[in-house]
Each structure stands twice: as structure tokens, then as C-alpha cells.
Amino acid sequence: MTTTPGDIENTTDTADTADTERAVCRRLVGRTAVVTGAGSGIGLASARRLAAEGAHVVCGDVDETRGKAAAEETGGLFVQVDVTDPEQVEALFRTAYETYGSVDVAFNNAGISPPDDDSILETGLEAWRRVQEVNLTSVYLCCKAALPHMRRQGKGSIINTASFVARMGAATSQISYTASKGGVLAMSRELGVQFAREGIRVNALCPGPVDTPLLRELFAEDPERAARRLVHIPAGRFARAEEIAAAVAFLASDDSSFVNATDFLVDGGISGAYVTPL
């Protein structure tokens, strides 16, 4: 396998053009979707896709500049939010409800993968706690804030960003990230079971590695780590954010009405691979 992260980045322009030209369904007209981490990466791609499908999109992000830009582009609403702060998270979902009259979709996506989260032998307690707060506790807070609105209206779809690493181990460990995503997966299953008869579905979206600025930055510092991961992907490339966004739109829509309490893998076949093509 000779593909590099740079090669992957250079292939995205053509693919993005194809996405732009592809017709988009209109499955979410009139619905309200709250997206955290909407300012970049998977969150931004998903905000665009949900808006294209007709949703009112509430863009939550800690970065005011990027969050406002996302809201402006999607014709939605920006709410600045630190997803580890319970009051700010409550305000995010309350604002969505008060502005648009419903909370139909909660895409709890915000997360971090800092360089000081490494092997358990190297990762300090402070780094461990910071990743757990942003990646796991924030999902707990967002679900807790979204559910009362959804229960009142008798329907809703919660999509929590986990990861394929919640299902698989890696020798290139990011120990707190992996543990946090396992927690997201377990919590999503339990909530999906608990609230299913109230018309609320909860699923854990489990992407494989995605070609986002966060991943590029991480792998630019350690090309060997990138190469070790890439070789396990049958397609020979990382996912594009738009491909993950398409899965988010599916899980948000009625097309996935019987998909619940599951780990929805979008990993390019990584979890199914034993030996990949040369």
C-alpha cells in the first residue's frame, strides 16, 4: 500500500464535486436538527446535508467564527456551546425548540482527539479526563437535554458519534478516545432500548477514519501511524466527511424507522477485513 495522507487529501476535490452534482433527497422538510461540532469536519458536512434535505439546522460549536459560518451557509441558527457545560447544552436544545417548535434530530457529534491521548503508558490523567468529558460526558448531556423535547412530541432520532474503534482494538492506541467511544456505543444502545416505545430512536454512528482537518493534523505529525491504519482499509482510502453525512441523514430520516439501538458502521469494510487487497 503506497497511498499517503497527502494523496487522500488530493482526491477529495473530484469526489466533492460528484457529491454536489448528485441529487439529494428531501426527507427532512420542516424538521429541526441540532448538530454539535457543526463548525468543521463531519459536523459541518452533516449540517450541510441535513439542510439540503430540508431540515432547520441548529449549529452548535464552541468556535464562534466557524459555527456562525456553518449556520450562515446552511440557513440555520448558530448557538455557541461548550458541550461539557450542562447549562449551555440545555440552552442549545431549548433555543432549538423555542425557535423552530420541535427537536426532531440530535446529532451529538462534538469530540476531540488530542496528541497527548496515546498509549495507556503515556497518557496522563488530565488528558484522559479531558477526552472523556468532551467525547462521552457531552453525549450524555446532549441526550439528557434532547430527550424531554422528543418525549413531549412523541418522536425523535438521536445519533451519537462513536467510532469503529468502539468495536475493534488498535496497537496505535488513543486510549481515552477509544474508551470514550465505547461508552458512547453502550449508552446509545441502552437509550435506544429504553425510549423505543415512545417513538424515539437512538443509534451510535461508528465511522472509520475520515479525511478531516483533525485527522490530517494528527497524521501529518506521524505519517507512519497513518500508513499503519490505511493498510487495513479495503478501499485503500479514508472516508470523506460527506459519506458520513449521508449516513447521518439516513439515520435522521424515516427511511431508518426500524434502525434503533445499534452501532451503525460506516467504516469502508475495516471491521470485516482479514487481508486487504494489494
Protein backbone atom coordinates (compact mmCIF):
# COMPACT_ATOMS: atom_id res chain seq x y z
CA MET A 1 0.00 0.00 0.00
CA THR A 2 1.64 3.22 -1.16
CA THR A 3 -1.12 5.78 -0.72
CA THR A 4 -0.28 8.64 1.66
CA PRO A 5 -2.48 11.06 3.60
CA GLY A 6 -1.49 13.71 1.07
CA ASP A 7 -2.72 11.54 -1.77
CA ILE A 8 -6.02 11.08 0.03
CA GLU A 9 -6.43 14.81 0.54
CA ASN A 10 -5.78 15.47 -3.13
CA THR A 11 -8.55 13.09 -4.20
CA THR A 12 -11.33 14.86 -2.31
CA ASP A 13 -11.98 17.72 -4.75
CA THR A 14 -13.27 15.46 -7.53
CA ALA A 15 -15.33 13.41 -5.10
CA ASP A 16 -16.83 16.53 -3.54
CA THR A 17 -17.82 17.77 -6.99
CA ALA A 18 -19.59 14.49 -7.61
CA ASP A 19 -21.45 14.91 -4.32
CA THR A 20 -22.54 18.39 -5.32
CA GLU A 21 -23.91 17.14 -8.62
CA ARG A 22 -25.74 14.20 -7.06
CA ALA A 23 -29.43 14.74 -6.35
CA VAL A 24 -30.25 14.93 -2.64
CA CYS A 25 -33.47 13.54 -1.15
CA ARG A 26 -35.83 15.85 0.73
CA ARG A 27 -36.65 13.62 3.69
CA LEU A 28 -36.39 16.17 6.50
CA VAL A 29 -38.52 19.08 5.34
CA GLY A 30 -39.78 21.09 8.30
CA ARG A 31 -37.84 19.13 10.91
CA THR A 32 -35.35 20.59 13.36
CA ALA A 33 -31.87 19.09 13.64
CA VAL A 34 -29.34 20.05 16.30
CA VAL A 35 -25.73 19.35 15.35
CA THR A 36 -22.83 19.75 17.78
CA GLY A 37 -19.35 20.25 16.43
CA ALA A 38 -21.04 21.79 13.38
CA GLY A 39 -18.18 24.09 12.51
CA SER A 40 -15.93 21.58 10.78
CA GLY A 41 -15.38 18.02 9.62
CA ILE A 42 -18.23 15.53 9.95
CA GLY A 43 -20.38 18.08 11.79
CA LEU A 44 -20.15 20.66 9.01
CA ALA A 45 -20.75 18.10 6.26
CA SER A 46 -23.76 16.80 8.18
CA ALA A 47 -25.18 20.28 8.77
CA ARG A 48 -24.96 20.87 5.02
CA ARG A 49 -26.62 17.55 4.19
CA LEU A 50 -29.42 17.91 6.74
CA ALA A 51 -30.15 21.43 5.48
CA ALA A 52 -30.14 20.18 1.88
CA GLU A 53 -32.75 17.62 2.89
CA GLY A 54 -34.99 20.38 4.23
CA ALA A 55 -34.19 20.50 7.95
CA HIS A 56 -33.88 23.59 10.10
CA VAL A 57 -30.32 23.17 11.34
CA VAL A 58 -29.12 24.47 14.70
CA CYS A 59 -25.33 24.60 14.58
CA GLY A 60 -23.71 24.18 17.97
CA ASP A 61 -19.99 24.81 18.25
CA VAL A 62 -17.53 26.23 20.76
CA ASP A 63 -15.80 28.14 17.95
CA GLU A 64 -17.90 31.21 17.22
CA THR A 65 -16.33 32.00 13.86
CA ARG A 66 -16.68 28.53 12.39
CA GLY A 67 -20.08 27.93 13.96
CA LYS A 68 -21.53 31.17 12.60
CA ALA A 69 -20.13 30.38 9.16
CA ALA A 70 -21.79 26.95 9.23
CA ALA A 71 -25.14 28.43 10.26
CA GLU A 72 -24.94 31.14 7.61
CA GLU A 73 -24.12 28.61 4.89
CA THR A 74 -26.94 26.26 5.86
CA GLY A 75 -29.52 28.95 6.53
CA GLY A 76 -29.72 27.81 10.12
CA LEU A 77 -29.09 29.10 13.60
CA PHE A 78 -25.79 29.27 15.49
CA VAL A 79 -25.60 28.64 19.22
CA GLN A 80 -22.21 28.86 20.86
CA VAL A 81 -21.87 25.93 23.24
CA ASP A 82 -19.29 24.22 25.39
CA VAL A 83 -20.71 20.71 25.24
CA THR A 84 -19.21 19.84 28.63
CA ASP A 85 -21.29 22.57 30.33
CA PRO A 86 -24.78 21.31 31.35
CA GLU A 87 -26.39 24.76 31.31
CA GLN A 88 -25.04 25.61 27.87
CA VAL A 89 -26.19 22.26 26.48
CA GLU A 90 -29.67 22.78 27.92
CA ALA A 91 -29.73 26.23 26.34
CA LEU A 92 -28.75 24.79 22.96
CA PHE A 93 -31.73 22.43 22.78
CA ARG A 94 -34.09 24.90 24.41
CA THR A 95 -33.16 27.51 21.80
CA ALA A 96 -33.77 24.99 19.01
CA TYR A 97 -37.23 24.21 20.37
CA GLU A 98 -38.19 27.81 21.03
CA THR A 99 -37.04 28.91 17.57
CA TYR A 100 -38.47 26.13 15.41
CA GLY A 101 -41.06 24.41 17.63
CA SER A 102 -39.51 20.95 17.77
CA VAL A 103 -36.32 18.94 18.27
CA ASP A 104 -36.57 16.11 15.77
CA VAL A 105 -32.92 15.17 15.32
CA ALA A 106 -29.98 15.41 17.70
CA PHE A 107 -26.64 14.69 16.10
CA ASN A 108 -24.33 14.65 19.11
CA ASN A 109 -21.07 14.79 17.25
CA ALA A 110 -18.59 17.08 19.02
CA GLY A 111 -15.36 15.37 20.01
CA ILE A 112 -11.61 15.68 20.28
CA SER A 113 -8.59 13.50 19.62
CA PRO A 114 -5.60 15.34 21.10
CA PRO A 115 -1.99 14.19 20.60
CA ASP A 116 -1.44 13.68 24.34
CA ASP A 117 -4.04 10.88 24.26
CA ASP A 118 -1.80 7.97 23.33
CA SER A 119 -0.87 4.60 24.77
CA ILE A 120 -2.09 4.00 28.30
CA LEU A 121 1.58 4.01 29.28
CA GLU A 122 1.96 7.58 28.02
CA THR A 123 -1.44 9.20 28.58
CA GLY A 124 -1.73 11.25 31.75
CA LEU A 125 -4.83 11.50 33.91
CA GLU A 126 -5.55 15.08 32.82
CA ALA A 127 -5.58 14.09 29.14
CA TRP A 128 -7.74 11.06 29.95
CA ARG A 129 -10.31 13.18 31.77
CA ARG A 130 -10.42 15.92 29.13
CA VAL A 131 -11.18 13.44 26.33
CA GLN A 132 -13.82 11.66 28.44
CA GLU A 133 -15.53 14.97 29.20
CA VAL A 134 -15.71 16.13 25.59
CA ASN A 135 -16.36 12.80 23.89
CA LEU A 136 -18.55 10.94 26.38
CA THR A 137 -19.94 13.24 29.06
CA SER A 138 -21.05 15.70 26.37
CA VAL A 139 -23.10 12.98 24.67
CA TYR A 140 -24.73 12.16 28.00
CA LEU A 141 -25.58 15.84 28.47
CA CYS A 142 -26.92 16.26 24.94
CA CYS A 143 -29.11 13.16 25.18
CA LYS A 144 -30.38 14.29 28.56
CA ALA A 145 -31.28 17.71 27.13
CA ALA A 146 -32.83 16.43 23.88
CA LEU A 147 -34.97 13.63 25.28
CA PRO A 148 -37.61 15.74 27.11
CA HIS A 149 -38.39 17.61 23.88
CA MET A 150 -38.63 14.36 21.92
CA ARG A 151 -40.76 12.66 24.57
CA ARG A 152 -43.19 15.58 24.56
CA GLN A 153 -43.66 15.33 20.79
CA GLY A 154 -43.61 11.52 20.77
CA LYS A 155 -40.83 11.10 18.22
CA GLY A 156 -37.19 11.81 17.50
CA SER A 157 -33.88 10.46 16.28
CA ILE A 158 -30.72 10.75 18.34
CA ILE A 159 -27.45 9.99 16.56
CA ASN A 160 -24.35 9.81 18.72
CA THR A 161 -20.91 9.79 17.13
CA ALA A 162 -18.97 6.77 18.36
CA SER A 163 -16.31 5.10 16.18
CA PHE A 164 -15.31 1.79 14.69
CA VAL A 165 -12.69 1.67 17.48
CA ALA A 166 -15.58 1.02 19.86
CA ARG A 167 -15.69 -2.40 18.17
CA MET A 168 -12.00 -3.07 17.49
CA GLY A 169 -8.65 -2.73 19.19
CA ALA A 170 -5.62 -0.94 17.77
CA ALA A 171 -1.92 -1.07 18.52
CA THR A 172 -1.78 2.62 17.56
CA SER A 173 -3.78 3.39 20.66
CA GLN A 174 -5.54 6.56 21.73
CA ILE A 175 -6.67 5.03 24.97
CA SER A 176 -9.10 7.64 26.25
CA TYR A 177 -10.61 8.25 22.81
CA THR A 178 -11.21 4.52 22.34
CA ALA A 179 -12.72 4.15 25.80
CA SER A 180 -14.94 7.21 25.33
CA LYS A 181 -16.32 5.87 22.06
CA GLY A 182 -17.03 2.51 23.66
CA GLY A 183 -19.01 4.38 26.28
CA VAL A 184 -20.96 6.27 23.62
CA LEU A 185 -21.85 2.98 21.94
CA ALA A 186 -23.04 1.32 25.17
CA MET A 187 -25.04 4.37 26.25
CA SER A 188 -26.69 4.68 22.83
CA ARG A 189 -27.83 1.06 22.94
CA GLU A 190 -29.35 1.49 26.36
CA LEU A 191 -31.17 4.71 25.50
CA GLY A 192 -32.44 3.20 22.26
CA VAL A 193 -33.97 0.32 24.19
CA GLN A 194 -35.36 2.49 26.97
CA PHE A 195 -37.17 5.03 24.81
CA ALA A 196 -38.14 2.97 21.75
CA ARG A 197 -41.82 2.71 22.72
CA GLU A 198 -42.01 6.48 22.98
CA GLY A 199 -41.14 6.84 19.30
CA ILE A 200 -37.51 7.79 19.91
CA ARG A 201 -34.63 6.03 18.21
CA VAL A 202 -31.04 6.26 19.46
CA ASN A 203 -28.14 4.97 17.38
CA ALA A 204 -24.38 5.14 17.58
CA LEU A 205 -22.77 6.18 14.31
CA CYS A 206 -19.42 4.39 14.01
CA PRO A 207 -17.27 5.91 11.27
CA GLY A 208 -13.94 4.57 10.15
CA PRO A 209 -11.08 7.06 9.71
CA VAL A 210 -12.38 10.17 7.95
CA ASP A 211 -10.35 12.63 5.91
CA THR A 212 -10.96 15.70 8.07
CA PRO A 213 -8.65 18.52 9.20
CA LEU A 214 -8.39 16.82 12.61
CA LEU A 215 -7.14 13.56 11.10
CA ARG A 216 -4.78 15.31 8.67
CA GLU A 217 -3.21 17.25 11.52
CA LEU A 218 -2.76 14.12 13.59
CA PHE A 219 -1.25 12.09 10.77
CA ALA A 220 0.93 14.91 9.44
CA GLU A 221 2.84 14.65 12.71
CA ASP A 222 3.11 10.86 12.43
CA PRO A 223 2.97 9.55 8.82
CA GLU A 224 3.89 6.06 9.99
CA ARG A 225 0.75 5.92 12.12
CA ALA A 226 -1.32 6.97 9.10
CA ALA A 227 0.24 4.28 6.91
CA ARG A 228 -0.36 1.59 9.53
CA ARG A 229 -4.05 2.47 9.63
CA LEU A 230 -4.57 2.95 5.93
CA VAL A 231 -3.34 -0.51 5.03
CA HIS A 232 -6.31 -2.06 6.84
CA ILE A 233 -8.96 -0.25 4.77
CA PRO A 234 -10.14 -2.44 1.87
CA ALA A 235 -10.92 0.62 -0.28
CA GLY A 236 -7.40 1.97 0.21
CA ARG A 237 -8.54 5.41 1.36
CA PHE A 238 -10.10 7.21 4.28
CA ALA A 239 -13.77 8.17 4.20
CA ARG A 240 -14.94 11.59 3.10
CA ALA A 241 -16.97 13.63 5.56
CA GLU A 242 -19.81 13.76 3.03
CA GLU A 243 -20.06 9.96 3.09
CA ILE A 244 -20.55 10.01 6.84
CA ALA A 245 -23.06 12.86 6.49
CA ALA A 246 -25.12 10.70 4.14
CA ALA A 247 -25.37 8.09 6.90
CA VAL A 248 -26.40 10.78 9.38
CA ALA A 249 -29.19 11.91 7.05
CA PHE A 250 -30.38 8.31 6.68
CA LEU A 251 -30.47 7.78 10.45
CA ALA A 252 -32.26 11.11 10.89
CA SER A 253 -34.94 10.21 8.38
CA ASP A 254 -37.93 7.87 8.39
CA ASP A 255 -36.06 5.62 5.97
CA SER A 256 -34.32 4.25 9.07
CA SER A 257 -37.52 3.91 11.10
CA PHE A 258 -36.67 0.37 12.28
CA VAL A 259 -32.96 1.06 12.90
CA ASN A 260 -32.51 1.50 16.62
CA ALA A 261 -30.10 0.83 19.50
CA THR A 262 -27.37 -0.26 17.12
CA ASP A 263 -23.81 0.51 16.13
CA PHE A 264 -24.19 1.85 12.60
CA LEU A 265 -20.82 1.14 10.99
CA VAL A 266 -19.60 3.29 8.11
CA ASP A 267 -16.02 2.06 8.02
CA GLY A 268 -15.34 1.05 4.43
CA GLY A 269 -15.15 -2.59 5.42
CA ILE A 270 -12.38 -2.29 8.02
CA SER A 271 -14.27 -4.34 10.61
CA GLY A 272 -14.91 -7.05 8.04
CA ALA A 273 -11.36 -7.33 6.70
CA TYR A 274 -8.83 -10.03 7.41
CA VAL A 275 -6.46 -9.42 4.49
CA THR A 276 -6.88 -6.32 2.29
CA PRO A 277 -6.11 -6.00 -1.44
CA LEU A 278 -2.60 -5.07 -2.54
